[in-house]
Amino acid sequence: MINSRFAMQVHIVSLLALNKDGITSDFIASSIGCNPVLVRKELVLLKNHGMVATQEGKNGGVRLVKQAKDIHLDELYKIVYGDMEMFPSNKNEPNPMCVIGRNISAMMKYINKEAELSMLSKLQETTIEFLIKNIT
């Protein structure tokens, strides 16, 4: 199920790419317009996946470990959603006596998988560098 976490991670990583010396979670939160606690939760995930490094203390902050040209949006999508289905199946058991009911699940599974593969392909083509060049 899609939520705003993917967009938040793209925003975070884009900000970090522009601020190579590092920035604070408060700065990131002010750009996103959210609570810094939410940003820190996403930063933990990014750190666990080798995307960012953190430094505590007076001159602390967060910085990217990878170059913007090497970060593809599908990587961020997978960090957020893992193997979760983009389009979950119907939780109700369709009526097997109905021509639609007995066939709709397989057809929807096929369509949903094709849509997901198409989206992931587009995300794989798109880098943080591309986003920044087209935003700034």
N, C-alpha and C. Protein backbone atom coordinates (compact mmCIF):
# COMPACT_ATOMS: atom_id res chain seq x y z
N MET A 1 0.85 -1.18 0.00
CA MET A 1 0.00 0.00 0.00
C MET A 1 0.90 1.24 0.00
N ILE A 2 0.63 2.14 -0.89
CA ILE A 2 1.43 3.35 -1.05
C ILE A 2 1.07 4.36 0.03
N ASN A 3 2.11 4.99 0.60
CA ASN A 3 1.91 6.08 1.54
C ASN A 3 2.95 7.16 1.24
N SER A 4 3.07 8.14 2.10
CA SER A 4 3.94 9.29 1.81
C SER A 4 5.41 9.06 2.19
N ARG A 5 5.75 7.93 2.75
CA ARG A 5 7.13 7.70 3.18
C ARG A 5 8.12 7.70 2.02
N PHE A 6 7.73 7.15 0.89
CA PHE A 6 8.61 7.15 -0.28
C PHE A 6 8.92 8.58 -0.71
N ALA A 7 7.89 9.41 -0.81
CA ALA A 7 8.09 10.82 -1.18
C ALA A 7 8.98 11.52 -0.16
N MET A 8 8.81 11.18 1.11
CA MET A 8 9.64 11.79 2.16
C MET A 8 11.10 11.38 1.98
N GLN A 9 11.35 10.12 1.69
CA GLN A 9 12.74 9.69 1.50
C GLN A 9 13.37 10.33 0.26
N VAL A 10 12.61 10.49 -0.80
CA VAL A 10 13.13 11.16 -1.99
C VAL A 10 13.48 12.61 -1.64
N HIS A 11 12.63 13.26 -0.87
CA HIS A 11 12.86 14.64 -0.44
C HIS A 11 14.13 14.71 0.41
N ILE A 12 14.26 13.81 1.38
CA ILE A 12 15.43 13.79 2.27
C ILE A 12 16.71 13.61 1.46
N VAL A 13 16.74 12.60 0.62
CA VAL A 13 17.95 12.29 -0.14
C VAL A 13 18.29 13.42 -1.11
N SER A 14 17.29 14.05 -1.69
CA SER A 14 17.54 15.19 -2.58
C SER A 14 18.15 16.36 -1.83
N LEU A 15 17.63 16.65 -0.65
CA LEU A 15 18.21 17.72 0.18
C LEU A 15 19.66 17.40 0.55
N LEU A 16 19.90 16.16 0.92
CA LEU A 16 21.26 15.77 1.30
C LEU A 16 22.22 15.87 0.11
N ALA A 17 21.72 15.57 -1.08
CA ALA A 17 22.57 15.67 -2.28
C ALA A 17 22.96 17.12 -2.55
N LEU A 18 22.09 18.05 -2.22
CA LEU A 18 22.39 19.48 -2.41
C LEU A 18 23.29 20.04 -1.32
N ASN A 19 23.27 19.42 -0.16
CA ASN A 19 24.03 19.89 1.00
C ASN A 19 25.06 18.84 1.37
N LYS A 20 26.12 18.77 0.61
CA LYS A 20 27.11 17.69 0.72
C LYS A 20 27.84 17.65 2.07
N ASP A 21 27.91 18.79 2.77
CA ASP A 21 28.60 18.82 4.06
C ASP A 21 27.74 18.29 5.20
N GLY A 22 26.49 18.03 4.93
CA GLY A 22 25.60 17.50 5.94
C GLY A 22 24.63 18.54 6.47
N ILE A 23 23.48 18.07 6.90
CA ILE A 23 22.44 18.93 7.46
C ILE A 23 21.77 18.20 8.62
N THR A 24 21.01 18.94 9.40
CA THR A 24 20.35 18.36 10.56
C THR A 24 18.96 17.85 10.20
N SER A 25 18.45 16.97 11.04
CA SER A 25 17.09 16.48 10.84
C SER A 25 16.07 17.61 11.01
N ASP A 26 16.38 18.59 11.85
CA ASP A 26 15.48 19.75 11.99
C ASP A 26 15.39 20.54 10.68
N PHE A 27 16.54 20.72 10.02
CA PHE A 27 16.55 21.43 8.73
C PHE A 27 15.73 20.66 7.70
N ILE A 28 15.93 19.35 7.67
CA ILE A 28 15.19 18.51 6.72
C ILE A 28 13.69 18.59 7.00
N ALA A 29 13.33 18.48 8.28
CA ALA A 29 11.91 18.53 8.66
C ALA A 29 11.28 19.86 8.28
N SER A 30 12.04 20.95 8.41
CA SER A 30 11.48 22.26 8.04
C SER A 30 11.24 22.35 6.54
N SER A 31 12.07 21.69 5.74
CA SER A 31 11.87 21.68 4.30
C SER A 31 10.65 20.84 3.92
N ILE A 32 10.51 19.70 4.57
CA ILE A 32 9.40 18.79 4.27
C ILE A 32 8.08 19.32 4.85
N GLY A 33 8.19 20.01 5.99
CA GLY A 33 6.99 20.47 6.68
C GLY A 33 6.41 19.40 7.57
N CYS A 34 7.30 18.70 8.28
CA CYS A 34 6.85 17.62 9.17
C CYS A 34 7.65 17.65 10.47
N ASN A 35 7.31 16.77 11.37
CA ASN A 35 7.98 16.65 12.65
C ASN A 35 9.36 16.01 12.44
N PRO A 36 10.41 16.55 13.09
CA PRO A 36 11.76 15.97 12.96
C PRO A 36 11.84 14.50 13.38
N VAL A 37 10.94 14.06 14.25
CA VAL A 37 10.93 12.66 14.67
C VAL A 37 10.65 11.76 13.47
N LEU A 38 9.73 12.17 12.60
CA LEU A 38 9.44 11.38 11.39
C LEU A 38 10.66 11.32 10.48
N VAL A 39 11.37 12.42 10.37
CA VAL A 39 12.59 12.47 9.55
C VAL A 39 13.63 11.52 10.13
N ARG A 40 13.80 11.56 11.44
CA ARG A 40 14.81 10.69 12.07
C ARG A 40 14.49 9.21 11.85
N LYS A 41 13.22 8.85 11.87
CA LYS A 41 12.84 7.45 11.60
C LYS A 41 13.26 7.04 10.19
N GLU A 42 13.05 7.93 9.24
CA GLU A 42 13.45 7.62 7.85
C GLU A 42 14.97 7.59 7.72
N LEU A 43 15.65 8.47 8.44
CA LEU A 43 17.12 8.50 8.39
C LEU A 43 17.71 7.20 8.93
N VAL A 44 17.08 6.62 9.94
CA VAL A 44 17.55 5.34 10.48
C VAL A 44 17.49 4.28 9.38
N LEU A 45 16.38 4.23 8.66
CA LEU A 45 16.26 3.27 7.55
C LEU A 45 17.32 3.52 6.48
N LEU A 46 17.49 4.78 6.12
CA LEU A 46 18.49 5.12 5.10
C LEU A 46 19.90 4.75 5.56
N LYS A 47 20.18 4.97 6.83
CA LYS A 47 21.49 4.61 7.38
C LYS A 47 21.68 3.10 7.37
N ASN A 48 20.66 2.36 7.77
CA ASN A 48 20.73 0.90 7.79
C ASN A 48 20.94 0.31 6.39
N HIS A 49 20.57 1.05 5.37
CA HIS A 49 20.74 0.59 3.98
C HIS A 49 21.95 1.23 3.30
N GLY A 50 22.82 1.86 4.09
CA GLY A 50 24.06 2.39 3.56
C GLY A 50 23.93 3.63 2.70
N MET A 51 22.84 4.35 2.83
CA MET A 51 22.63 5.56 2.02
C MET A 51 23.19 6.82 2.68
N VAL A 52 23.14 6.87 4.00
CA VAL A 52 23.57 8.07 4.71
C VAL A 52 24.50 7.71 5.86
N ALA A 53 25.25 8.72 6.29
CA ALA A 53 26.09 8.61 7.48
C ALA A 53 25.70 9.76 8.40
N THR A 54 25.77 9.51 9.69
CA THR A 54 25.41 10.54 10.66
C THR A 54 26.60 10.85 11.55
N GLN A 55 26.63 12.08 12.01
CA GLN A 55 27.66 12.51 12.96
C GLN A 55 26.95 13.28 14.07
N GLU A 56 27.16 12.84 15.29
CA GLU A 56 26.53 13.51 16.43
C GLU A 56 27.40 14.65 16.92
N GLY A 57 26.81 15.50 17.73
CA GLY A 57 27.58 16.58 18.34
C GLY A 57 27.27 17.93 17.74
N LYS A 58 28.05 18.93 18.20
CA LYS A 58 27.83 20.32 17.82
C LYS A 58 27.86 20.53 16.31
N ASN A 59 28.81 19.93 15.64
CA ASN A 59 28.92 20.05 14.18
C ASN A 59 28.34 18.84 13.47
N GLY A 60 27.45 18.15 14.15
CA GLY A 60 26.87 16.93 13.60
C GLY A 60 25.87 17.18 12.50
N GLY A 61 25.41 16.11 11.95
CA GLY A 61 24.42 16.18 10.88
C GLY A 61 24.39 14.88 10.10
N VAL A 62 23.70 14.93 9.01
CA VAL A 62 23.55 13.76 8.14
C VAL A 62 24.09 14.12 6.77
N ARG A 63 24.74 13.15 6.13
CA ARG A 63 25.22 13.37 4.77
C ARG A 63 25.03 12.09 3.97
N LEU A 64 24.98 12.26 2.66
CA LEU A 64 24.86 11.11 1.76
C LEU A 64 26.18 10.36 1.68
N VAL A 65 26.10 9.06 1.57
CA VAL A 65 27.29 8.23 1.38
C VAL A 65 27.52 8.02 -0.12
N LYS A 66 26.45 7.94 -0.88
CA LYS A 66 26.53 7.71 -2.33
C LYS A 66 26.36 9.02 -3.09
N GLN A 67 26.81 9.02 -4.32
CA GLN A 67 26.62 10.17 -5.21
C GLN A 67 25.17 10.19 -5.71
N ALA A 68 24.65 11.39 -5.93
CA ALA A 68 23.27 11.54 -6.42
C ALA A 68 23.05 10.81 -7.74
N LYS A 69 24.08 10.76 -8.58
CA LYS A 69 23.95 10.09 -9.88
C LYS A 69 23.84 8.57 -9.74
N ASP A 70 24.23 8.06 -8.57
CA ASP A 70 24.22 6.61 -8.33
C ASP A 70 23.02 6.14 -7.51
N ILE A 71 22.14 7.06 -7.15
CA ILE A 71 20.97 6.69 -6.36
C ILE A 71 19.74 6.72 -7.26
N HIS A 72 19.17 5.56 -7.48
CA HIS A 72 17.98 5.42 -8.32
C HIS A 72 16.76 5.32 -7.42
N LEU A 73 15.66 5.87 -7.88
CA LEU A 73 14.46 5.93 -7.04
C LEU A 73 13.93 4.56 -6.65
N ASP A 74 14.18 3.54 -7.46
CA ASP A 74 13.71 2.21 -7.08
C ASP A 74 14.40 1.72 -5.81
N GLU A 75 15.63 2.16 -5.56
CA GLU A 75 16.32 1.79 -4.32
C GLU A 75 15.57 2.34 -3.11
N LEU A 76 15.16 3.59 -3.21
CA LEU A 76 14.43 4.21 -2.10
C LEU A 76 13.07 3.57 -1.94
N TYR A 77 12.42 3.26 -3.04
CA TYR A 77 11.13 2.59 -2.99
C TYR A 77 11.25 1.25 -2.24
N LYS A 78 12.30 0.50 -2.58
CA LYS A 78 12.49 -0.81 -1.94
C LYS A 78 12.86 -0.69 -0.47
N ILE A 79 13.57 0.39 -0.10
CA ILE A 79 13.87 0.62 1.31
C ILE A 79 12.58 0.83 2.09
N VAL A 80 11.68 1.59 1.53
CA VAL A 80 10.41 1.89 2.20
C VAL A 80 9.48 0.70 2.22
N TYR A 81 9.29 0.05 1.07
CA TYR A 81 8.24 -0.96 0.95
C TYR A 81 8.72 -2.40 0.92
N GLY A 82 10.02 -2.62 0.72
CA GLY A 82 10.51 -4.00 0.68
C GLY A 82 9.77 -4.80 -0.38
N ASP A 83 9.28 -5.96 0.01
CA ASP A 83 8.57 -6.85 -0.91
C ASP A 83 7.05 -6.70 -0.82
N MET A 84 6.59 -5.67 -0.13
CA MET A 84 5.16 -5.47 0.04
C MET A 84 4.48 -5.29 -1.32
N GLU A 85 3.33 -5.92 -1.48
CA GLU A 85 2.58 -5.77 -2.72
C GLU A 85 2.07 -4.34 -2.86
N MET A 86 2.25 -3.77 -4.03
CA MET A 86 1.76 -2.43 -4.28
C MET A 86 0.23 -2.41 -4.28
N PHE A 87 -0.36 -3.44 -4.88
CA PHE A 87 -1.81 -3.55 -4.98
C PHE A 87 -2.24 -4.85 -4.29
N PRO A 88 -2.57 -4.78 -3.00
CA PRO A 88 -2.96 -6.00 -2.29
C PRO A 88 -4.19 -6.66 -2.92
N SER A 89 -4.25 -7.96 -2.78
CA SER A 89 -5.38 -8.72 -3.31
C SER A 89 -6.63 -8.45 -2.48
N ASN A 90 -7.76 -8.76 -3.08
CA ASN A 90 -9.04 -8.67 -2.38
C ASN A 90 -9.03 -9.65 -1.22
N LYS A 91 -9.38 -9.17 -0.04
CA LYS A 91 -9.38 -10.04 1.15
C LYS A 91 -10.59 -10.97 1.17
N ASN A 92 -11.63 -10.61 0.44
CA ASN A 92 -12.83 -11.46 0.37
C ASN A 92 -12.61 -12.57 -0.65
N GLU A 93 -13.19 -13.72 -0.37
CA GLU A 93 -13.09 -14.85 -1.29
C GLU A 93 -14.22 -14.73 -2.32
N PRO A 94 -13.88 -14.47 -3.59
CA PRO A 94 -14.94 -14.34 -4.60
C PRO A 94 -15.73 -15.64 -4.77
N ASN A 95 -16.92 -15.51 -5.26
CA ASN A 95 -17.81 -16.65 -5.49
C ASN A 95 -17.30 -17.48 -6.67
N PRO A 96 -16.91 -18.74 -6.43
CA PRO A 96 -16.39 -19.58 -7.51
C PRO A 96 -17.47 -20.00 -8.52
N MET A 97 -18.74 -19.81 -8.18
CA MET A 97 -19.82 -20.16 -9.09
C MET A 97 -20.10 -19.04 -10.11
N CYS A 98 -19.50 -17.88 -9.88
CA CYS A 98 -19.68 -16.74 -10.78
C CYS A 98 -18.51 -16.68 -11.75
N VAL A 99 -18.77 -16.46 -13.03
CA VAL A 99 -17.71 -16.41 -14.04
C VAL A 99 -16.69 -15.31 -13.71
N ILE A 100 -17.14 -14.17 -13.22
CA ILE A 100 -16.23 -13.10 -12.83
C ILE A 100 -15.52 -13.48 -11.54
N GLY A 101 -16.29 -13.92 -10.56
CA GLY A 101 -15.73 -14.27 -9.25
C GLY A 101 -14.61 -15.29 -9.31
N ARG A 102 -14.77 -16.31 -10.14
CA ARG A 102 -13.75 -17.36 -10.17
C ARG A 102 -12.51 -16.96 -10.98
N ASN A 103 -12.58 -15.89 -11.76
CA ASN A 103 -11.46 -15.50 -12.62
C ASN A 103 -10.83 -14.15 -12.30
N ILE A 104 -11.52 -13.33 -11.54
CA ILE A 104 -11.06 -11.96 -11.33
C ILE A 104 -9.74 -11.89 -10.55
N SER A 105 -9.55 -12.76 -9.58
CA SER A 105 -8.33 -12.70 -8.75
C SER A 105 -7.08 -12.91 -9.59
N ALA A 106 -7.10 -13.93 -10.45
CA ALA A 106 -5.93 -14.20 -11.29
C ALA A 106 -5.68 -13.06 -12.27
N MET A 107 -6.74 -12.51 -12.84
CA MET A 107 -6.59 -11.41 -13.80
C MET A 107 -6.05 -10.16 -13.10
N MET A 108 -6.58 -9.84 -11.93
CA MET A 108 -6.11 -8.66 -11.20
C MET A 108 -4.67 -8.83 -10.74
N LYS A 109 -4.31 -10.05 -10.34
CA LYS A 109 -2.93 -10.31 -9.94
C LYS A 109 -1.98 -10.03 -11.11
N TYR A 110 -2.35 -10.48 -12.30
CA TYR A 110 -1.55 -10.25 -13.50
C TYR A 110 -1.44 -8.76 -13.81
N ILE A 111 -2.56 -8.06 -13.83
CA ILE A 111 -2.57 -6.63 -14.15
C ILE A 111 -1.77 -5.85 -13.12
N ASN A 112 -1.96 -6.16 -11.85
CA ASN A 112 -1.24 -5.46 -10.78
C ASN A 112 0.26 -5.68 -10.88
N LYS A 113 0.67 -6.89 -11.19
CA LYS A 113 2.10 -7.19 -11.32
C LYS A 113 2.70 -6.42 -12.49
N GLU A 114 2.00 -6.38 -13.61
CA GLU A 114 2.47 -5.63 -14.78
C GLU A 114 2.61 -4.14 -14.45
N ALA A 115 1.64 -3.59 -13.74
CA ALA A 115 1.68 -2.17 -13.36
C ALA A 115 2.86 -1.90 -12.43
N GLU A 116 3.07 -2.80 -11.48
CA GLU A 116 4.18 -2.64 -10.54
C GLU A 116 5.52 -2.70 -11.27
N LEU A 117 5.68 -3.65 -12.17
CA LEU A 117 6.93 -3.77 -12.93
C LEU A 117 7.18 -2.52 -13.77
N SER A 118 6.14 -1.98 -14.35
CA SER A 118 6.27 -0.76 -15.15
C SER A 118 6.72 0.42 -14.28
N MET A 119 6.11 0.55 -13.10
CA MET A 119 6.48 1.64 -12.21
C MET A 119 7.92 1.48 -11.72
N LEU A 120 8.29 0.27 -11.33
CA LEU A 120 9.66 0.04 -10.85
C LEU A 120 10.68 0.31 -11.95
N SER A 121 10.33 -0.01 -13.18
CA SER A 121 11.23 0.27 -14.30
C SER A 121 11.46 1.78 -14.44
N LYS A 122 10.40 2.56 -14.33
CA LYS A 122 10.53 4.02 -14.42
C LYS A 122 11.35 4.55 -13.25
N LEU A 123 11.13 4.03 -12.05
CA LEU A 123 11.91 4.47 -10.89
C LEU A 123 13.38 4.10 -11.04
N GLN A 124 13.65 2.96 -11.65
CA GLN A 124 15.03 2.52 -11.85
C GLN A 124 15.76 3.43 -12.84
N GLU A 125 15.04 4.01 -13.77
CA GLU A 125 15.64 4.94 -14.75
C GLU A 125 15.93 6.31 -14.14
N THR A 126 15.28 6.63 -13.04
CA THR A 126 15.32 7.99 -12.50
C THR A 126 16.28 8.08 -11.32
N THR A 127 17.23 9.00 -11.41
CA THR A 127 18.20 9.20 -10.33
C THR A 127 17.87 10.46 -9.54
N ILE A 128 18.45 10.54 -8.36
CA ILE A 128 18.34 11.76 -7.55
C ILE A 128 18.97 12.93 -8.31
N GLU A 129 20.06 12.68 -9.00
CA GLU A 129 20.71 13.73 -9.79
C GLU A 129 19.74 14.30 -10.83
N PHE A 130 19.01 13.44 -11.51
CA PHE A 130 18.01 13.88 -12.50
C PHE A 130 16.97 14.77 -11.84
N LEU A 131 16.47 14.35 -10.68
CA LEU A 131 15.46 15.16 -9.98
C LEU A 131 16.00 16.54 -9.64
N ILE A 132 17.19 16.57 -9.08
CA ILE A 132 17.78 17.84 -8.66
C ILE A 132 17.99 18.77 -9.86
N LYS A 133 18.50 18.22 -10.95
CA LYS A 133 18.72 19.04 -12.15
C LYS A 133 17.42 19.62 -12.69
N ASN A 134 16.33 18.90 -12.51
CA ASN A 134 15.05 19.36 -13.03
C ASN A 134 14.24 20.17 -12.04
N ILE A 135 14.70 20.23 -10.81
CA ILE A 135 14.02 21.03 -9.78
C ILE A 135 14.71 22.37 -9.59
N THR A 136 16.05 22.33 -9.54
CA THR A 136 16.80 23.56 -9.22
C THR A 136 17.13 24.38 -10.44
